[in-house]
Amino acid sequence: MGEIAAFSEVLLRRGLVEPEAITAARRLTEESGERLHVLLTRQGLVDERDMAAALADYLNLPLAPSTSFPDNAITAG
């Protein structure tokens, strides 16, 4: 099983996308060369937080909690 197929299975197992959406997105990745996870989030089919969790699952890595990152606020220096 290829990488895209294996990652697609994670997305389907988690119920993040329908099989038809995966089929269409995989076709678009072949045409555009864009990565599946980028394409699905850019099109709004999977939100970024769910995609991060799916990628962590696929890669067998822990998902860092948002508290591990600094605030997004920019301070003037």
PDB file of N, CA and C in Angstrom:
ATOM      1  N   MET A   1       0.858  -1.189   0.000  1.00  0.00           N
ATOM      2  CA  MET A   1       0.000   0.000   0.000  1.00  0.00           C
ATOM      3  C   MET A   1       0.893   1.237   0.000  1.00  0.00           C
ATOM      4  N   GLY A   2       0.606   2.189  -0.882  1.00  0.00           N
ATOM      5  CA  GLY A   2       1.391   3.407  -0.968  1.00  0.00           C
ATOM      6  C   GLY A   2       1.099   4.358   0.183  1.00  0.00           C
ATOM      7  N   GLU A   3       1.936   5.377   0.295  1.00  0.00           N
ATOM      8  CA  GLU A   3       1.777   6.354   1.373  1.00  0.00           C
ATOM      9  C   GLU A   3       0.427   7.055   1.330  1.00  0.00           C
ATOM     10  N   ILE A   4       0.015   7.488   0.142  1.00  0.00           N
ATOM     11  CA  ILE A   4      -1.267   8.201   0.033  1.00  0.00           C
ATOM     12  C   ILE A   4      -2.417   7.277   0.401  1.00  0.00           C
ATOM     13  N   ALA A   5      -2.357   6.034  -0.051  1.00  0.00           N
ATOM     14  CA  ALA A   5      -3.420   5.077   0.269  1.00  0.00           C
ATOM     15  C   ALA A   5      -3.465   4.804   1.766  1.00  0.00           C
ATOM     16  N   ALA A   6      -2.303   4.648   2.384  1.00  0.00           N
ATOM     17  CA  ALA A   6      -2.256   4.367   3.825  1.00  0.00           C
ATOM     18  C   ALA A   6      -2.782   5.561   4.620  1.00  0.00           C
ATOM     19  N   PHE A   7      -2.386   6.772   4.233  1.00  0.00           N
ATOM     20  CA  PHE A   7      -2.866   7.950   4.943  1.00  0.00           C
ATOM     21  C   PHE A   7      -4.363   8.147   4.697  1.00  0.00           C
ATOM     22  N   SER A   8      -4.817   7.845   3.500  1.00  0.00           N
ATOM     23  CA  SER A   8      -6.249   7.926   3.198  1.00  0.00           C
ATOM     24  C   SER A   8      -7.044   7.023   4.125  1.00  0.00           C
ATOM     25  N   GLU A   9      -6.509   5.849   4.407  1.00  0.00           N
ATOM     26  CA  GLU A   9      -7.179   4.910   5.319  1.00  0.00           C
ATOM     27  C   GLU A   9      -7.312   5.502   6.716  1.00  0.00           C
ATOM     28  N   VAL A  10      -6.298   6.221   7.176  1.00  0.00           N
ATOM     29  CA  VAL A  10      -6.369   6.883   8.487  1.00  0.00           C
ATOM     30  C   VAL A  10      -7.490   7.914   8.481  1.00  0.00           C
ATOM     31  N   LEU A  11      -7.557   8.718   7.435  1.00  0.00           N
ATOM     32  CA  LEU A  11      -8.601   9.741   7.337  1.00  0.00           C
ATOM     33  C   LEU A  11      -9.989   9.115   7.319  1.00  0.00           C
ATOM     34  N   LEU A  12     -10.139   8.036   6.575  1.00  0.00           N
ATOM     35  CA  LEU A  12     -11.429   7.347   6.507  1.00  0.00           C
ATOM     36  C   LEU A  12     -11.787   6.699   7.840  1.00  0.00           C
ATOM     37  N   ARG A  13     -10.826   6.052   8.460  1.00  0.00           N
ATOM     38  CA  ARG A  13     -11.068   5.391   9.746  1.00  0.00           C
ATOM     39  C   ARG A  13     -11.501   6.397  10.818  1.00  0.00           C
ATOM     40  N   ARG A  14     -10.935   7.588  10.765  1.00  0.00           N
ATOM     41  CA  ARG A  14     -11.281   8.632  11.730  1.00  0.00           C
ATOM     42  C   ARG A  14     -12.588   9.345  11.353  1.00  0.00           C
ATOM     43  N   GLY A  15     -13.141   9.021  10.192  1.00  0.00           N
ATOM     44  CA  GLY A  15     -14.398   9.635   9.767  1.00  0.00           C
ATOM     45  C   GLY A  15     -14.255  11.093   9.366  1.00  0.00           C
ATOM     46  N   LEU A  16     -13.054  11.493   8.940  1.00  0.00           N
ATOM     47  CA  LEU A  16     -12.823  12.888   8.599  1.00  0.00           C
ATOM     48  C   LEU A  16     -13.273  13.246   7.189  1.00  0.00           C
ATOM     49  N   VAL A  17     -13.302  12.270   6.311  1.00  0.00           N
ATOM     50  CA  VAL A  17     -13.731  12.503   4.930  1.00  0.00           C
ATOM     51  C   VAL A  17     -14.496  11.287   4.430  1.00  0.00           C
ATOM     52  N   GLU A  18     -15.289  11.522   3.411  1.00  0.00           N
ATOM     53  CA  GLU A  18     -16.018  10.440   2.755  1.00  0.00           C
ATOM     54  C   GLU A  18     -15.123   9.811   1.686  1.00  0.00           C
ATOM     55  N   PRO A  19     -15.359   8.540   1.359  1.00  0.00           N
ATOM     56  CA  PRO A  19     -14.542   7.888   0.327  1.00  0.00           C
ATOM     57  C   PRO A  19     -14.520   8.641  -1.005  1.00  0.00           C
ATOM     58  N   GLU A  20     -15.657   9.242  -1.382  1.00  0.00           N
ATOM     59  CA  GLU A  20     -15.719   9.974  -2.640  1.00  0.00           C
ATOM     60  C   GLU A  20     -14.793  11.182  -2.620  1.00  0.00           C
ATOM     61  N   ALA A  21     -14.714  11.856  -1.464  1.00  0.00           N
ATOM     62  CA  ALA A  21     -13.835  13.024  -1.343  1.00  0.00           C
ATOM     63  C   ALA A  21     -12.374  12.606  -1.450  1.00  0.00           C
ATOM     64  N   ILE A  22     -12.033  11.455  -0.881  1.00  0.00           N
ATOM     65  CA  ILE A  22     -10.662  10.948  -0.985  1.00  0.00           C
ATOM     66  C   ILE A  22     -10.329  10.650  -2.441  1.00  0.00           C
ATOM     67  N   THR A  23     -11.251  10.013  -3.144  1.00  0.00           N
ATOM     68  CA  THR A  23     -11.018   9.681  -4.553  1.00  0.00           C
ATOM     69  C   THR A  23     -10.769  10.947  -5.366  1.00  0.00           C
ATOM     70  N   ALA A  24     -11.611  11.950  -5.174  1.00  0.00           N
ATOM     71  CA  ALA A  24     -11.452  13.211  -5.914  1.00  0.00           C
ATOM     72  C   ALA A  24     -10.157  13.913  -5.522  1.00  0.00           C
ATOM     73  N   ALA A  25      -9.846  13.937  -4.241  1.00  0.00           N
ATOM     74  CA  ALA A  25      -8.634  14.607  -3.773  1.00  0.00           C
ATOM     75  C   ALA A  25      -7.378  13.895  -4.273  1.00  0.00           C
ATOM     76  N   ARG A  26      -7.406  12.580  -4.296  1.00  0.00           N
ATOM     77  CA  ARG A  26      -6.244  11.842  -4.802  1.00  0.00           C
ATOM     78  C   ARG A  26      -6.017  12.135  -6.281  1.00  0.00           C
ATOM     79  N   ARG A  27      -7.087  12.276  -7.024  1.00  0.00           N
ATOM     80  CA  ARG A  27      -6.977  12.620  -8.442  1.00  0.00           C
ATOM     81  C   ARG A  27      -6.349  14.009  -8.588  1.00  0.00           C
ATOM     82  N   LEU A  28      -6.785  14.946  -7.747  1.00  0.00           N
ATOM     83  CA  LEU A  28      -6.233  16.297  -7.796  1.00  0.00           C
ATOM     84  C   LEU A  28      -4.756  16.326  -7.396  1.00  0.00           C
ATOM     85  N   THR A  29      -4.360  15.479  -6.432  1.00  0.00           N
ATOM     86  CA  THR A  29      -2.948  15.445  -6.039  1.00  0.00           C
ATOM     87  C   THR A  29      -2.077  14.960  -7.192  1.00  0.00           C
ATOM     88  N   GLU A  30      -2.596  14.028  -7.973  1.00  0.00           N
ATOM     89  CA  GLU A  30      -1.841  13.542  -9.131  1.00  0.00           C
ATOM     90  C   GLU A  30      -1.686  14.633 -10.187  1.00  0.00           C
ATOM     91  N   GLU A  31      -2.733  15.434 -10.359  1.00  0.00           N
ATOM     92  CA  GLU A  31      -2.698  16.503 -11.362  1.00  0.00           C
ATOM     93  C   GLU A  31      -1.837  17.683 -10.920  1.00  0.00           C
ATOM     94  N   SER A  32      -1.945  18.037  -9.640  1.00  0.00           N
ATOM     95  CA  SER A  32      -1.290  19.251  -9.150  1.00  0.00           C
ATOM     96  C   SER A  32       0.069  18.998  -8.508  1.00  0.00           C
ATOM     97  N   GLY A  33       0.292  17.784  -8.043  1.00  0.00           N
ATOM     98  CA  GLY A  33       1.526  17.495  -7.324  1.00  0.00           C
ATOM     99  C   GLY A  33       1.469  17.934  -5.868  1.00  0.00           C
ATOM    100  N   GLU A  34       0.342  18.492  -5.466  1.00  0.00           N
ATOM    101  CA  GLU A  34       0.176  18.955  -4.087  1.00  0.00           C
ATOM    102  C   GLU A  34      -0.047  17.757  -3.166  1.00  0.00           C
ATOM    103  N   ARG A  35       0.427  17.850  -1.945  1.00  0.00           N
ATOM    104  CA  ARG A  35       0.255  16.763  -0.987  1.00  0.00           C
ATOM    105  C   ARG A  35      -1.207  16.670  -0.541  1.00  0.00           C
ATOM    106  N   LEU A  36      -1.641  15.440  -0.268  1.00  0.00           N
ATOM    107  CA  LEU A  36      -3.036  15.183   0.071  1.00  0.00           C
ATOM    108  C   LEU A  36      -3.487  15.991   1.279  1.00  0.00           C
ATOM    109  N   HIS A  37      -2.692  16.003   2.338  1.00  0.00           N
ATOM    110  CA  HIS A  37      -3.124  16.713   3.548  1.00  0.00           C
ATOM    111  C   HIS A  37      -3.240  18.216   3.316  1.00  0.00           C
ATOM    112  N   VAL A  38      -2.379  18.780   2.488  1.00  0.00           N
ATOM    113  CA  VAL A  38      -2.447  20.207   2.177  1.00  0.00           C
ATOM    114  C   VAL A  38      -3.705  20.495   1.363  1.00  0.00           C
ATOM    115  N   LEU A  39      -3.951  19.690   0.372  1.00  0.00           N
ATOM    116  CA  LEU A  39      -5.112  19.869  -0.488  1.00  0.00           C
ATOM    117  C   LEU A  39      -6.419  19.780   0.308  1.00  0.00           C
ATOM    118  N   LEU A  40      -6.536  18.792   1.165  1.00  0.00           N
ATOM    119  CA  LEU A  40      -7.774  18.610   1.937  1.00  0.00           C
ATOM    120  C   LEU A  40      -8.019  19.746   2.913  1.00  0.00           C
ATOM    121  N   THR A  41      -6.964  20.264   3.540  1.00  0.00           N
ATOM    122  CA  THR A  41      -7.165  21.382   4.468  1.00  0.00           C
ATOM    123  C   THR A  41      -7.413  22.685   3.710  1.00  0.00           C
ATOM    124  N   ARG A  42      -6.710  22.903   2.603  1.00  0.00           N
ATOM    125  CA  ARG A  42      -6.899  24.122   1.818  1.00  0.00           C
ATOM    126  C   ARG A  42      -8.313  24.199   1.263  1.00  0.00           C
ATOM    127  N   GLN A  43      -8.876  23.049   0.893  1.00  0.00           N
ATOM    128  CA  GLN A  43     -10.242  23.028   0.363  1.00  0.00           C
ATOM    129  C   GLN A  43     -11.300  23.054   1.470  1.00  0.00           C
ATOM    130  N   GLY A  44     -10.854  23.003   2.711  1.00  0.00           N
ATOM    131  CA  GLY A  44     -11.785  23.059   3.832  1.00  0.00           C
ATOM    132  C   GLY A  44     -12.495  21.742   4.115  1.00  0.00           C
ATOM    133  N   LEU A  45     -11.990  20.655   3.562  1.00  0.00           N
ATOM    134  CA  LEU A  45     -12.626  19.352   3.787  1.00  0.00           C
ATOM    135  C   LEU A  45     -12.250  18.754   5.136  1.00  0.00           C
ATOM    136  N   VAL A  46     -11.069  19.097   5.631  1.00  0.00           N
ATOM    137  CA  VAL A  46     -10.621  18.647   6.955  1.00  0.00           C
ATOM    138  C   VAL A  46      -9.996  19.850   7.639  1.00  0.00           C
ATOM    139  N   ASP A  47     -10.404  20.131   8.888  1.00  0.00           N
ATOM    140  CA  ASP A  47      -9.800  21.287   9.548  1.00  0.00           C
ATOM    141  C   ASP A  47      -8.380  20.946  10.014  1.00  0.00           C
ATOM    142  N   GLU A  48      -7.601  21.984  10.259  1.00  0.00           N
ATOM    143  CA  GLU A  48      -6.179  21.808  10.537  1.00  0.00           C
ATOM    144  C   GLU A  48      -5.914  20.981  11.798  1.00  0.00           C
ATOM    145  N   ARG A  49      -6.732  21.173  12.811  1.00  0.00           N
ATOM    146  CA  ARG A  49      -6.535  20.434  14.067  1.00  0.00           C
ATOM    147  C   ARG A  49      -6.779  18.932  13.853  1.00  0.00           C
ATOM    148  N   ASP A  50      -7.856  18.604  13.129  1.00  0.00           N
ATOM    149  CA  ASP A  50      -8.139  17.195  12.835  1.00  0.00           C
ATOM    150  C   ASP A  50      -7.055  16.596  11.936  1.00  0.00           C
ATOM    151  N   MET A  51      -6.562  17.401  10.991  1.00  0.00           N
ATOM    152  CA  MET A  51      -5.513  16.906  10.105  1.00  0.00           C
ATOM    153  C   MET A  51      -4.232  16.643  10.893  1.00  0.00           C
ATOM    154  N   ALA A  52      -3.898  17.526  11.819  1.00  0.00           N
ATOM    155  CA  ALA A  52      -2.703  17.323  12.643  1.00  0.00           C
ATOM    156  C   ALA A  52      -2.819  16.030  13.444  1.00  0.00           C
ATOM    157  N   ALA A  53      -4.000  15.769  13.999  1.00  0.00           N
ATOM    158  CA  ALA A  53      -4.214  14.537  14.757  1.00  0.00           C
ATOM    159  C   ALA A  53      -4.113  13.307  13.855  1.00  0.00           C
ATOM    160  N   ALA A  54      -4.642  13.407  12.642  1.00  0.00           N
ATOM    161  CA  ALA A  54      -4.565  12.286  11.702  1.00  0.00           C
ATOM    162  C   ALA A  54      -3.124  12.026  11.266  1.00  0.00           C
ATOM    163  N   LEU A  55      -2.374  13.095  11.014  1.00  0.00           N
ATOM    164  CA  LEU A  55      -0.965  12.934  10.643  1.00  0.00           C
ATOM    165  C   LEU A  55      -0.164  12.322  11.786  1.00  0.00           C
ATOM    166  N   ALA A  56      -0.432  12.753  13.013  1.00  0.00           N
ATOM    167  CA  ALA A  56       0.251  12.182  14.179  1.00  0.00           C
ATOM    168  C   ALA A  56      -0.067  10.695  14.292  1.00  0.00           C
ATOM    169  N   ASP A  57      -1.320  10.341  14.078  1.00  0.00           N
ATOM    170  CA  ASP A  57      -1.740   8.937  14.106  1.00  0.00           C
ATOM    171  C   ASP A  57      -1.014   8.145  13.026  1.00  0.00           C
ATOM    172  N   TYR A  58      -1.005   8.666  11.811  1.00  0.00           N
ATOM    173  CA  TYR A  58      -0.374   7.995  10.676  1.00  0.00           C
ATOM    174  C   TYR A  58       1.126   7.797  10.910  1.00  0.00           C
ATOM    175  N   LEU A  59       1.767   8.812  11.469  1.00  0.00           N
ATOM    176  CA  LEU A  59       3.209   8.751  11.700  1.00  0.00           C
ATOM    177  C   LEU A  59       3.581   8.114  13.031  1.00  0.00           C
ATOM    178  N   ASN A  60       2.556   7.733  13.802  1.00  0.00           N
ATOM    179  CA  ASN A  60       2.757   7.121  15.111  1.00  0.00           C
ATOM    180  C   ASN A  60       3.585   8.034  16.025  1.00  0.00           C
ATOM    181  N   LEU A  61       3.186   9.306  16.039  1.00  0.00           N
ATOM    182  CA  LEU A  61       3.841  10.310  16.866  1.00  0.00           C
ATOM    183  C   LEU A  61       2.816  10.933  17.796  1.00  0.00           C
ATOM    184  N   PRO A  62       3.253  11.427  18.951  1.00  0.00           N
ATOM    185  CA  PRO A  62       2.303  12.117  19.827  1.00  0.00           C
ATOM    186  C   PRO A  62       1.950  13.476  19.239  1.00  0.00           C
ATOM    187  N   LEU A  63       0.747  13.916  19.506  1.00  0.00           N
ATOM    188  CA  LEU A  63       0.301  15.234  19.068  1.00  0.00           C
ATOM    189  C   LEU A  63       0.594  16.219  20.190  1.00  0.00           C
ATOM    190  N   ALA A  64       1.377  17.229  19.902  1.00  0.00           N
ATOM    191  CA  ALA A  64       1.720  18.230  20.917  1.00  0.00           C
ATOM    192  C   ALA A  64       0.484  19.064  21.241  1.00  0.00           C
ATOM    193  N   PRO A  65       0.213  19.270  22.525  1.00  0.00           N
ATOM    194  CA  PRO A  65      -0.938  20.098  22.892  1.00  0.00           C
ATOM    195  C   PRO A  65      -0.656  21.569  22.579  1.00  0.00           C
ATOM    196  N   SER A  66      -1.715  22.327  22.377  1.00  0.00           N
ATOM    197  CA  SER A  66      -1.555  23.741  22.036  1.00  0.00           C
ATOM    198  C   SER A  66      -0.856  24.517  23.142  1.00  0.00           C
ATOM    199  N   THR A  67      -0.909  24.023  24.363  1.00  0.00           N
ATOM    200  CA  THR A  67      -0.242  24.703  25.475  1.00  0.00           C
ATOM    201  C   THR A  67       1.279  24.619  25.354  1.00  0.00           C
ATOM    202  N   SER A  68       1.772  23.791  24.457  1.00  0.00           N
ATOM    203  CA  SER A  68       3.216  23.663  24.246  1.00  0.00           C
ATOM    204  C   SER A  68       3.776  24.787  23.369  1.00  0.00           C
ATOM    205  N   PHE A  69       2.899  25.609  22.800  1.00  0.00           N
ATOM    206  CA  PHE A  69       3.315  26.652  21.885  1.00  0.00           C
ATOM    207  C   PHE A  69       3.036  28.023  22.479  1.00  0.00           C
ATOM    208  N   PRO A  70       3.864  29.003  22.158  1.00  0.00           N
ATOM    209  CA  PRO A  70       3.615  30.366  22.671  1.00  0.00           C
ATOM    210  C   PRO A  70       2.382  30.965  22.020  1.00  0.00           C
ATOM    211  N   ASP A  71       1.863  32.007  22.654  1.00  0.00           N
ATOM    212  CA  ASP A  71       0.726  32.735  22.087  1.00  0.00           C
ATOM    213  C   ASP A  71       1.082  33.238  20.697  1.00  0.00           C
ATOM    214  N   ASN A  72       0.073  33.400  19.892  1.00  0.00           N
ATOM    215  CA  ASN A  72       0.269  33.932  18.546  1.00  0.00           C
ATOM    216  C   ASN A  72       0.430  35.445  18.536  1.00  0.00           C
ATOM    217  N   ALA A  73       0.284  36.064  19.697  1.00  0.00           N
ATOM    218  CA  ALA A  73       0.368  37.524  19.773  1.00  0.00           C
ATOM    219  C   ALA A  73       1.779  37.992  19.422  1.00  0.00           C
ATOM    220  N   ILE A  74       1.823  39.032  18.633  1.00  0.00           N
ATOM    221  CA  ILE A  74       3.102  39.622  18.253  1.00  0.00           C
ATOM    222  C   ILE A  74       3.294  40.860  19.127  1.00  0.00           C
ATOM    223  N   THR A  75       4.444  40.933  19.753  1.00  0.00           N
ATOM    224  CA  THR A  75       4.721  42.096  20.605  1.00  0.00           C
ATOM    225  C   THR A  75       5.709  43.012  19.905  1.00  0.00           C
ATOM    226  N   ALA A  76       5.454  44.274  20.051  1.00  0.00           N
ATOM    227  CA  ALA A  76       6.361  45.261  19.445  1.00  0.00           C
ATOM    228  C   ALA A  76       7.631  45.355  20.259  1.00  0.00           C
ATOM    229  N   GLY A  77       8.750  45.429  19.609  1.00  0.00           N
ATOM    230  CA  GLY A  77      10.040  45.439  20.290  1.00  0.00           C
ATOM    231  C   GLY A  77      10.546  46.741  20.477  1.00  0.00           C
TER     232      GLY A  77
END
